[in-house]
Every structure is written in C-alpha cells, then in structure tokens.
Amino acid sequence: MENKVSFSLVLASALAAGLVAGVFYAFSTGVMRALSALSPKEGITAMQSINVAVINPAFLGAFMGAAALALASGIYAVTHWKTPGAGWMLAGALLYLIGSFLWTMGFHIPRNDALAALDPAAPGSVQPWLDYVRVWTAGNHVRALASLASSACFIVALVSRRAG
C-alpha cells in the first residue's frame, strides 16, 4: 500500500510541477512578448489586470498544490532515503520549492506589487515598465526551468523506482 501511495505522490508531483512549468513557459514565450508590444500605458494596465486575475482558485490551486506535493515528496524522500529514486525525489522537491515557489515569493511578488503602484498614464512609468518586462521575464524563465526540471526529476524518480 505504501508503495502505491508514494508512487501516486511522486506522479502527482511530476504532473503538478509540469503544469506550472507550462503556465510559466506560456508567460515567457507569449504573454510577456504580447504585453511588451503594447504601448507602456496599455502594457502596464494589462499586466496589472493579469496580476489581479491570476489570484484565483485554479492558478493558486495548481501553484500551491504543486508546492504542497513537492514538500510531501521531499519529506518522503528524506524519511525513505534508501528507496530507489529518493535522491531524484528530493531534487525535484527542492527545485520546485526553491526555484518556483520561493522564487515567486521573493522575486516576482515584490515586482508585481511595485507594478501595481504605477500609474499607467504617468510619463515616469515608462522606464519602470520597460525594466519590469525585462527583469520579470528573465526571472520567469528561471521559475519555468526550475518547474520543468522538477517535473523531470520526479519522472526520473518514478523510472528509478521501476528499475530498482
């Protein structure tokens, strides 16, 4: 029974991290490019709206759920270290928790809060917007890659379990 539960935990962790990676990838490769093509006033207004709209059960459930699953997988890995794939499980957990969850808290949220304070129509908002797009998108690449790498580690953990 424990084997089925831990398998399900790691599988769910892989899927959740992969889902979040896809959301971040879409932002990096499409949404932010589209917003940067708008006038600064339009881009700021749109991103301010997105930052409010993204606080919803669907996104937060996936993002926070992936963090909870990663944490549970990491704890399982540490407490069952001799289980095949435990190192990969721990790596997947750390990649998601540090590179996606904590990175979002410490890097993206402060920038989103600063953007929320900008007046889209103020001439002084142009340079902060241009800086925001460049820096925020680069940081988003980090969390997209971390989430994808996390998913890959969880998948390798599953394969290791089957081989072990």
N, C-alpha and C. Protein backbone atom coordinates (compact mmCIF):
# COMPACT_ATOMS: atom_id res chain seq x y z
N MET A 1 0.82 -1.21 0.00
CA MET A 1 0.00 0.00 0.00
C MET A 1 0.86 1.26 0.00
N GLU A 2 1.91 1.26 0.86
CA GLU A 2 2.79 2.44 0.93
C GLU A 2 3.42 2.72 -0.43
N ASN A 3 3.79 1.66 -1.16
CA ASN A 3 4.40 1.83 -2.47
C ASN A 3 3.44 2.53 -3.44
N LYS A 4 2.17 2.16 -3.40
CA LYS A 4 1.18 2.79 -4.28
C LYS A 4 0.96 4.25 -3.90
N VAL A 5 0.94 4.53 -2.60
CA VAL A 5 0.74 5.90 -2.13
C VAL A 5 1.93 6.76 -2.53
N SER A 6 3.15 6.27 -2.30
CA SER A 6 4.32 7.06 -2.65
C SER A 6 4.44 7.22 -4.16
N PHE A 7 4.09 6.18 -4.94
CA PHE A 7 4.08 6.31 -6.39
C PHE A 7 3.11 7.40 -6.81
N SER A 8 1.92 7.37 -6.24
CA SER A 8 0.91 8.38 -6.58
C SER A 8 1.36 9.79 -6.20
N LEU A 9 2.03 9.90 -5.06
CA LEU A 9 2.55 11.19 -4.61
C LEU A 9 3.57 11.74 -5.60
N VAL A 10 4.50 10.91 -6.01
CA VAL A 10 5.54 11.37 -6.92
C VAL A 10 4.96 11.65 -8.31
N LEU A 11 4.04 10.83 -8.75
CA LEU A 11 3.38 11.08 -10.04
C LEU A 11 2.62 12.40 -10.01
N ALA A 12 1.87 12.64 -8.96
CA ALA A 12 1.13 13.90 -8.82
C ALA A 12 2.10 15.08 -8.76
N SER A 13 3.23 14.91 -8.08
CA SER A 13 4.24 15.97 -8.01
C SER A 13 4.79 16.29 -9.40
N ALA A 14 5.06 15.25 -10.17
CA ALA A 14 5.59 15.44 -11.53
C ALA A 14 4.58 16.18 -12.40
N LEU A 15 3.32 15.77 -12.32
CA LEU A 15 2.29 16.40 -13.14
C LEU A 15 2.05 17.84 -12.73
N ALA A 16 2.00 18.09 -11.43
CA ALA A 16 1.74 19.45 -10.94
C ALA A 16 2.89 20.39 -11.31
N ALA A 17 4.13 19.95 -11.12
CA ALA A 17 5.27 20.80 -11.48
C ALA A 17 5.30 21.03 -12.99
N GLY A 18 4.95 20.03 -13.76
CA GLY A 18 4.88 20.18 -15.22
C GLY A 18 3.81 21.16 -15.65
N LEU A 19 2.66 21.11 -14.98
CA LEU A 19 1.58 22.04 -15.28
C LEU A 19 2.02 23.48 -15.02
N VAL A 20 2.62 23.71 -13.87
CA VAL A 20 3.08 25.05 -13.52
C VAL A 20 4.18 25.50 -14.49
N ALA A 21 5.08 24.59 -14.85
CA ALA A 21 6.12 24.93 -15.83
C ALA A 21 5.48 25.42 -17.13
N GLY A 22 4.42 24.77 -17.55
CA GLY A 22 3.73 25.17 -18.78
C GLY A 22 3.12 26.55 -18.68
N VAL A 23 2.55 26.87 -17.53
CA VAL A 23 1.98 28.22 -17.34
C VAL A 23 3.09 29.26 -17.43
N PHE A 24 4.19 29.02 -16.73
CA PHE A 24 5.30 29.98 -16.75
C PHE A 24 5.91 30.08 -18.14
N TYR A 25 6.03 28.97 -18.83
CA TYR A 25 6.56 28.97 -20.20
C TYR A 25 5.67 29.81 -21.12
N ALA A 26 4.36 29.64 -20.99
CA ALA A 26 3.43 30.42 -21.81
C ALA A 26 3.59 31.91 -21.55
N PHE A 27 3.80 32.27 -20.30
CA PHE A 27 4.01 33.68 -19.98
C PHE A 27 5.29 34.19 -20.62
N SER A 28 6.37 33.43 -20.48
CA SER A 28 7.66 33.88 -21.02
C SER A 28 7.65 33.99 -22.54
N THR A 29 7.02 33.04 -23.20
CA THR A 29 7.12 32.99 -24.65
C THR A 29 5.98 33.67 -25.38
N GLY A 30 4.91 33.98 -24.69
CA GLY A 30 3.76 34.59 -25.37
C GLY A 30 3.22 35.83 -24.70
N VAL A 31 2.78 35.68 -23.48
CA VAL A 31 2.08 36.78 -22.80
C VAL A 31 2.99 37.99 -22.63
N MET A 32 4.20 37.79 -22.13
CA MET A 32 5.08 38.94 -21.90
C MET A 32 5.53 39.57 -23.21
N ARG A 33 5.70 38.77 -24.25
CA ARG A 33 6.02 39.34 -25.57
C ARG A 33 4.87 40.19 -26.07
N ALA A 34 3.66 39.71 -25.90
CA ALA A 34 2.50 40.48 -26.34
C ALA A 34 2.36 41.77 -25.55
N LEU A 35 2.56 41.69 -24.25
CA LEU A 35 2.44 42.90 -23.42
C LEU A 35 3.53 43.91 -23.75
N SER A 36 4.73 43.45 -24.04
CA SER A 36 5.81 44.38 -24.36
C SER A 36 5.62 45.03 -25.72
N ALA A 37 4.78 44.44 -26.56
CA ALA A 37 4.50 45.02 -27.87
C ALA A 37 3.46 46.15 -27.78
N LEU A 38 2.76 46.22 -26.66
CA LEU A 38 1.78 47.28 -26.45
C LEU A 38 2.48 48.56 -26.03
N SER A 39 1.75 49.65 -26.05
CA SER A 39 2.30 50.88 -25.50
C SER A 39 2.52 50.65 -24.01
N PRO A 40 3.45 51.38 -23.38
CA PRO A 40 3.67 51.19 -21.95
C PRO A 40 2.38 51.34 -21.13
N LYS A 41 1.56 52.31 -21.45
CA LYS A 41 0.31 52.50 -20.71
C LYS A 41 -0.57 51.26 -20.82
N GLU A 42 -0.72 50.74 -22.04
CA GLU A 42 -1.55 49.55 -22.25
C GLU A 42 -0.92 48.31 -21.59
N GLY A 43 0.39 48.18 -21.72
CA GLY A 43 1.08 47.03 -21.12
C GLY A 43 0.97 47.01 -19.62
N ILE A 44 1.20 48.18 -19.00
CA ILE A 44 1.09 48.27 -17.54
C ILE A 44 -0.32 47.93 -17.10
N THR A 45 -1.30 48.53 -17.76
CA THR A 45 -2.70 48.29 -17.41
C THR A 45 -3.05 46.81 -17.54
N ALA A 46 -2.62 46.20 -18.63
CA ALA A 46 -2.92 44.78 -18.85
C ALA A 46 -2.25 43.90 -17.80
N MET A 47 -0.98 44.17 -17.50
CA MET A 47 -0.27 43.33 -16.53
C MET A 47 -0.83 43.54 -15.13
N GLN A 48 -1.22 44.76 -14.81
CA GLN A 48 -1.86 44.99 -13.51
C GLN A 48 -3.14 44.15 -13.41
N SER A 49 -3.88 44.09 -14.50
CA SER A 49 -5.11 43.30 -14.52
C SER A 49 -4.81 41.80 -14.40
N ILE A 50 -3.80 41.35 -15.11
CA ILE A 50 -3.41 39.94 -15.04
C ILE A 50 -2.99 39.57 -13.62
N ASN A 51 -2.21 40.44 -12.98
CA ASN A 51 -1.73 40.15 -11.63
C ASN A 51 -2.87 40.06 -10.61
N VAL A 52 -3.96 40.71 -10.88
CA VAL A 52 -5.14 40.60 -10.01
C VAL A 52 -5.92 39.33 -10.39
N ALA A 53 -6.11 39.12 -11.69
CA ALA A 53 -6.93 37.99 -12.15
C ALA A 53 -6.29 36.64 -11.84
N VAL A 54 -4.96 36.58 -11.78
CA VAL A 54 -4.29 35.30 -11.56
C VAL A 54 -4.48 34.79 -10.13
N ILE A 55 -4.89 35.66 -9.24
CA ILE A 55 -5.16 35.23 -7.86
C ILE A 55 -6.56 34.61 -7.85
N ASN A 56 -6.61 33.36 -8.29
CA ASN A 56 -7.88 32.64 -8.38
C ASN A 56 -7.64 31.19 -7.99
N PRO A 57 -8.71 30.47 -7.67
CA PRO A 57 -8.54 29.08 -7.20
C PRO A 57 -7.83 28.15 -8.19
N ALA A 58 -8.04 28.34 -9.48
CA ALA A 58 -7.42 27.44 -10.45
C ALA A 58 -5.90 27.60 -10.45
N PHE A 59 -5.42 28.84 -10.58
CA PHE A 59 -3.97 29.04 -10.59
C PHE A 59 -3.37 28.76 -9.22
N LEU A 60 -3.94 29.33 -8.19
CA LEU A 60 -3.37 29.13 -6.85
C LEU A 60 -3.43 27.66 -6.44
N GLY A 61 -4.48 26.96 -6.84
CA GLY A 61 -4.57 25.53 -6.53
C GLY A 61 -3.43 24.76 -7.17
N ALA A 62 -3.14 25.07 -8.44
CA ALA A 62 -2.04 24.38 -9.12
C ALA A 62 -0.70 24.78 -8.53
N PHE A 63 -0.48 26.07 -8.36
CA PHE A 63 0.81 26.58 -7.88
C PHE A 63 1.08 26.15 -6.44
N MET A 64 0.11 26.36 -5.56
CA MET A 64 0.28 25.98 -4.15
C MET A 64 0.18 24.46 -3.97
N GLY A 65 -0.68 23.84 -4.75
CA GLY A 65 -0.80 22.38 -4.69
C GLY A 65 0.51 21.71 -5.09
N ALA A 66 1.16 22.24 -6.12
CA ALA A 66 2.45 21.69 -6.54
C ALA A 66 3.48 21.86 -5.43
N ALA A 67 3.43 23.00 -4.73
CA ALA A 67 4.36 23.21 -3.62
C ALA A 67 4.10 22.21 -2.49
N ALA A 68 2.83 22.00 -2.17
CA ALA A 68 2.49 21.03 -1.12
C ALA A 68 2.92 19.62 -1.51
N LEU A 69 2.69 19.25 -2.76
CA LEU A 69 3.11 17.92 -3.22
C LEU A 69 4.62 17.79 -3.22
N ALA A 70 5.31 18.84 -3.65
CA ALA A 70 6.78 18.80 -3.64
C ALA A 70 7.30 18.66 -2.21
N LEU A 71 6.71 19.41 -1.30
CA LEU A 71 7.12 19.31 0.10
C LEU A 71 6.90 17.90 0.63
N ALA A 72 5.73 17.34 0.35
CA ALA A 72 5.44 15.98 0.80
C ALA A 72 6.40 14.97 0.17
N SER A 73 6.70 15.14 -1.10
CA SER A 73 7.65 14.24 -1.78
C SER A 73 9.04 14.38 -1.20
N GLY A 74 9.43 15.60 -0.89
CA GLY A 74 10.74 15.83 -0.29
C GLY A 74 10.85 15.18 1.08
N ILE A 75 9.81 15.33 1.88
CA ILE A 75 9.80 14.70 3.21
C ILE A 75 9.84 13.19 3.07
N TYR A 76 9.05 12.66 2.14
CA TYR A 76 9.06 11.21 1.91
C TYR A 76 10.46 10.76 1.51
N ALA A 77 11.10 11.50 0.61
CA ALA A 77 12.44 11.12 0.14
C ALA A 77 13.44 11.07 1.30
N VAL A 78 13.40 12.08 2.16
CA VAL A 78 14.33 12.14 3.28
C VAL A 78 14.06 11.01 4.29
N THR A 79 12.80 10.72 4.52
CA THR A 79 12.45 9.70 5.52
C THR A 79 12.52 8.27 4.95
N HIS A 80 12.64 8.15 3.63
CA HIS A 80 12.76 6.84 2.98
C HIS A 80 13.95 6.88 2.02
N TRP A 81 15.08 7.34 2.54
CA TRP A 81 16.24 7.63 1.70
C TRP A 81 16.73 6.41 0.91
N LYS A 82 16.53 5.21 1.43
CA LYS A 82 17.02 4.01 0.73
C LYS A 82 16.08 3.55 -0.38
N THR A 83 14.95 4.21 -0.51
CA THR A 83 14.01 3.88 -1.58
C THR A 83 14.64 4.29 -2.92
N PRO A 84 14.58 3.42 -3.93
CA PRO A 84 15.11 3.82 -5.24
C PRO A 84 14.45 5.12 -5.71
N GLY A 85 15.26 6.04 -6.19
CA GLY A 85 14.75 7.31 -6.70
C GLY A 85 14.59 8.40 -5.66
N ALA A 86 14.92 8.11 -4.40
CA ALA A 86 14.73 9.10 -3.33
C ALA A 86 15.54 10.37 -3.60
N GLY A 87 16.75 10.22 -4.11
CA GLY A 87 17.57 11.40 -4.42
C GLY A 87 16.93 12.26 -5.49
N TRP A 88 16.34 11.61 -6.48
CA TRP A 88 15.65 12.35 -7.54
C TRP A 88 14.39 13.03 -7.01
N MET A 89 13.70 12.34 -6.09
CA MET A 89 12.52 12.95 -5.47
C MET A 89 12.91 14.21 -4.71
N LEU A 90 13.98 14.11 -3.93
CA LEU A 90 14.43 15.27 -3.16
C LEU A 90 14.86 16.39 -4.09
N ALA A 91 15.58 16.05 -5.15
CA ALA A 91 15.99 17.08 -6.12
C ALA A 91 14.77 17.76 -6.74
N GLY A 92 13.77 16.98 -7.12
CA GLY A 92 12.54 17.55 -7.70
C GLY A 92 11.84 18.47 -6.72
N ALA A 93 11.79 18.03 -5.46
CA ALA A 93 11.14 18.85 -4.44
C ALA A 93 11.88 20.16 -4.24
N LEU A 94 13.20 20.10 -4.12
CA LEU A 94 13.97 21.32 -3.89
C LEU A 94 13.91 22.26 -5.09
N LEU A 95 13.97 21.71 -6.29
CA LEU A 95 13.88 22.56 -7.48
C LEU A 95 12.56 23.33 -7.50
N TYR A 96 11.46 22.64 -7.21
CA TYR A 96 10.17 23.34 -7.24
C TYR A 96 10.06 24.33 -6.08
N LEU A 97 10.38 23.87 -4.89
CA LEU A 97 10.18 24.72 -3.72
C LEU A 97 11.08 25.96 -3.75
N ILE A 98 12.32 25.81 -4.17
CA ILE A 98 13.23 26.95 -4.20
C ILE A 98 13.10 27.73 -5.51
N GLY A 99 13.16 27.01 -6.63
CA GLY A 99 13.21 27.67 -7.93
C GLY A 99 11.89 28.17 -8.46
N SER A 100 10.81 27.69 -7.92
CA SER A 100 9.49 28.13 -8.38
C SER A 100 8.73 28.85 -7.27
N PHE A 101 8.48 28.14 -6.18
CA PHE A 101 7.65 28.71 -5.11
C PHE A 101 8.35 29.87 -4.40
N LEU A 102 9.52 29.62 -3.83
CA LEU A 102 10.21 30.70 -3.10
C LEU A 102 10.68 31.81 -4.03
N TRP A 103 11.09 31.43 -5.24
CA TRP A 103 11.49 32.44 -6.23
C TRP A 103 10.31 33.37 -6.53
N THR A 104 9.13 32.82 -6.66
CA THR A 104 7.94 33.64 -6.91
C THR A 104 7.70 34.59 -5.73
N MET A 105 7.80 34.06 -4.53
CA MET A 105 7.55 34.88 -3.34
C MET A 105 8.57 36.01 -3.21
N GLY A 106 9.83 35.71 -3.45
CA GLY A 106 10.88 36.69 -3.21
C GLY A 106 11.23 37.56 -4.40
N PHE A 107 10.93 37.10 -5.60
CA PHE A 107 11.34 37.82 -6.80
C PHE A 107 10.14 38.44 -7.53
N HIS A 108 9.13 37.64 -7.83
CA HIS A 108 8.03 38.14 -8.66
C HIS A 108 7.00 38.95 -7.89
N ILE A 109 6.62 38.50 -6.73
CA ILE A 109 5.58 39.23 -5.99
C ILE A 109 6.02 40.65 -5.65
N PRO A 110 7.24 40.88 -5.18
CA PRO A 110 7.63 42.28 -4.93
C PRO A 110 7.59 43.13 -6.21
N ARG A 111 7.97 42.58 -7.33
CA ARG A 111 7.91 43.32 -8.59
C ARG A 111 6.47 43.58 -9.02
N ASN A 112 5.62 42.59 -8.80
CA ASN A 112 4.20 42.79 -9.12
C ASN A 112 3.58 43.86 -8.23
N ASP A 113 3.97 43.86 -6.96
CA ASP A 113 3.47 44.89 -6.04
C ASP A 113 3.93 46.28 -6.47
N ALA A 114 5.19 46.39 -6.89
CA ALA A 114 5.70 47.68 -7.36
C ALA A 114 4.97 48.12 -8.63
N LEU A 115 4.69 47.16 -9.51
CA LEU A 115 3.95 47.49 -10.74
C LEU A 115 2.54 47.96 -10.41
N ALA A 116 1.93 47.35 -9.41
CA ALA A 116 0.56 47.73 -9.02
C ALA A 116 0.50 49.19 -8.57
N ALA A 117 1.61 49.69 -8.06
CA ALA A 117 1.64 51.08 -7.58
C ALA A 117 1.87 52.08 -8.70
N LEU A 118 2.23 51.62 -9.90
CA LEU A 118 2.48 52.54 -11.01
C LEU A 118 1.18 53.09 -11.57
N ASP A 119 1.22 54.34 -11.95
CA ASP A 119 0.12 54.97 -12.70
C ASP A 119 0.42 54.74 -14.17
N PRO A 120 -0.38 53.94 -14.86
CA PRO A 120 -0.09 53.64 -16.26
C PRO A 120 0.01 54.88 -17.15
N ALA A 121 -0.69 55.94 -16.80
CA ALA A 121 -0.71 57.15 -17.63
C ALA A 121 0.44 58.11 -17.32
N ALA A 122 1.15 57.88 -16.24
CA ALA A 122 2.23 58.81 -15.86
C ALA A 122 3.45 58.61 -16.76
N PRO A 123 4.01 59.69 -17.27
CA PRO A 123 5.21 59.57 -18.11
C PRO A 123 6.37 58.88 -17.39
N GLY A 124 6.45 59.03 -16.09
CA GLY A 124 7.51 58.40 -15.31
C GLY A 124 7.37 56.90 -15.16
N SER A 125 6.28 56.34 -15.66
CA SER A 125 6.05 54.90 -15.56
C SER A 125 6.65 54.11 -16.71
N VAL A 126 7.08 54.81 -17.76
CA VAL A 126 7.59 54.11 -18.95
C VAL A 126 8.84 53.29 -18.63
N GLN A 127 9.85 53.92 -18.04
CA GLN A 127 11.10 53.19 -17.76
C GLN A 127 10.90 52.07 -16.75
N PRO A 128 10.16 52.31 -15.66
CA PRO A 128 9.91 51.18 -14.75
C PRO A 128 9.20 50.01 -15.45
N TRP A 129 8.30 50.31 -16.37
CA TRP A 129 7.62 49.26 -17.12
C TRP A 129 8.61 48.49 -17.99
N LEU A 130 9.46 49.19 -18.71
CA LEU A 130 10.44 48.53 -19.57
C LEU A 130 11.38 47.66 -18.74
N ASP A 131 11.80 48.17 -17.59
CA ASP A 131 12.65 47.39 -16.69
C ASP A 131 11.90 46.18 -16.15
N TYR A 132 10.64 46.38 -15.78
CA TYR A 132 9.81 45.31 -15.25
C TYR A 132 9.72 44.17 -16.25
N VAL A 133 9.38 44.48 -17.49
CA VAL A 133 9.22 43.44 -18.51
C VAL A 133 10.51 42.65 -18.67
N ARG A 134 11.62 43.32 -18.77
CA ARG A 134 12.91 42.66 -18.98
C ARG A 134 13.28 41.79 -17.78
N VAL A 135 13.25 42.36 -16.59
CA VAL A 135 13.69 41.64 -15.39
C VAL A 135 12.69 40.56 -14.99
N TRP A 136 11.40 40.89 -15.02
CA TRP A 136 10.37 39.93 -14.63
C TRP A 136 10.40 38.72 -15.56
N THR A 137 10.54 38.96 -16.86
CA THR A 137 10.54 37.85 -17.81
C THR A 137 11.78 36.98 -17.62
N ALA A 138 12.93 37.58 -17.41
CA ALA A 138 14.15 36.79 -17.14
C ALA A 138 13.94 35.94 -15.89
N GLY A 139 13.37 36.52 -14.85
CA GLY A 139 13.08 35.77 -13.63
C GLY A 139 12.05 34.68 -13.87
N ASN A 140 11.13 34.93 -14.77
CA ASN A 140 10.11 33.93 -15.09
C ASN A 140 10.73 32.74 -15.81
N HIS A 141 11.75 33.00 -16.63
CA HIS A 141 12.47 31.88 -17.26
C HIS A 141 13.04 30.96 -16.19
N VAL A 142 13.56 31.55 -15.11
CA VAL A 142 14.15 30.77 -14.02
C VAL A 142 13.10 29.83 -13.42
N ARG A 143 11.93 30.38 -13.10
CA ARG A 143 10.95 29.51 -12.45
C ARG A 143 10.32 28.52 -13.43
N ALA A 144 10.24 28.87 -14.72
CA ALA A 144 9.75 27.90 -15.71
C ALA A 144 10.73 26.73 -15.82
N LEU A 145 12.02 27.05 -15.90
CA LEU A 145 13.03 25.98 -16.00
C LEU A 145 13.10 25.17 -14.72
N ALA A 146 13.00 25.82 -13.57
CA ALA A 146 13.04 25.09 -12.30
C ALA A 146 11.84 24.15 -12.18
N SER A 147 10.68 24.61 -12.58
CA SER A 147 9.47 23.76 -12.52
C SER A 147 9.59 22.59 -13.48
N LEU A 148 10.10 22.85 -14.68
CA LEU A 148 10.27 21.77 -15.66
C LEU A 148 11.32 20.77 -15.18
N ALA A 149 12.43 21.27 -14.65
CA ALA A 149 13.46 20.37 -14.11
C ALA A 149 12.93 19.56 -12.94
N SER A 150 12.10 20.19 -12.12
CA SER A 150 11.46 19.49 -11.01
C SER A 150 10.61 18.33 -11.53
N SER A 151 9.80 18.62 -12.51
CA SER A 151 8.96 17.58 -13.11
C SER A 151 9.82 16.45 -13.66
N ALA A 152 10.89 16.80 -14.34
CA ALA A 152 11.78 15.78 -14.90
C ALA A 152 12.40 14.92 -13.80
N CYS A 153 12.82 15.55 -12.70
CA CYS A 153 13.39 14.78 -11.58
C CYS A 153 12.37 13.82 -11.00
N PHE A 154 11.14 14.27 -10.85
CA PHE A 154 10.10 13.38 -10.32
C PHE A 154 9.87 12.21 -11.29
N ILE A 155 9.92 12.47 -12.57
CA ILE A 155 9.75 11.39 -13.56
C ILE A 155 10.90 10.40 -13.47
N VAL A 156 12.13 10.92 -13.35
CA VAL A 156 13.29 10.02 -13.21
C VAL A 156 13.16 9.20 -11.92
N ALA A 157 12.64 9.82 -10.87
CA ALA A 157 12.42 9.09 -9.61
C ALA A 157 11.45 7.93 -9.85
N LEU A 158 10.41 8.17 -10.61
CA LEU A 158 9.45 7.10 -10.90
C LEU A 158 10.10 5.98 -11.71
N VAL A 159 10.88 6.35 -12.70
CA VAL A 159 11.58 5.36 -13.52
C VAL A 159 12.58 4.58 -12.66
N SER A 160 13.27 5.28 -11.77
CA SER A 160 14.25 4.63 -10.89
C SER A 160 13.57 3.61 -9.99
N ARG A 161 12.39 3.93 -9.54
CA ARG A 161 11.64 3.02 -8.68
C ARG A 161 11.28 1.74 -9.43
N ARG A 162 10.92 1.91 -10.70
CA ARG A 162 10.55 0.74 -11.52
C ARG A 162 11.78 -0.12 -11.80
N ALA A 163 12.94 0.56 -11.99
CA ALA A 163 14.16 -0.17 -12.30
C ALA A 163 14.76 -0.81 -11.05
N GLY A 164 14.48 -0.18 -9.88
CA GLY A 164 15.09 -0.65 -8.63
C GLY A 164 14.30 -1.71 -8.02
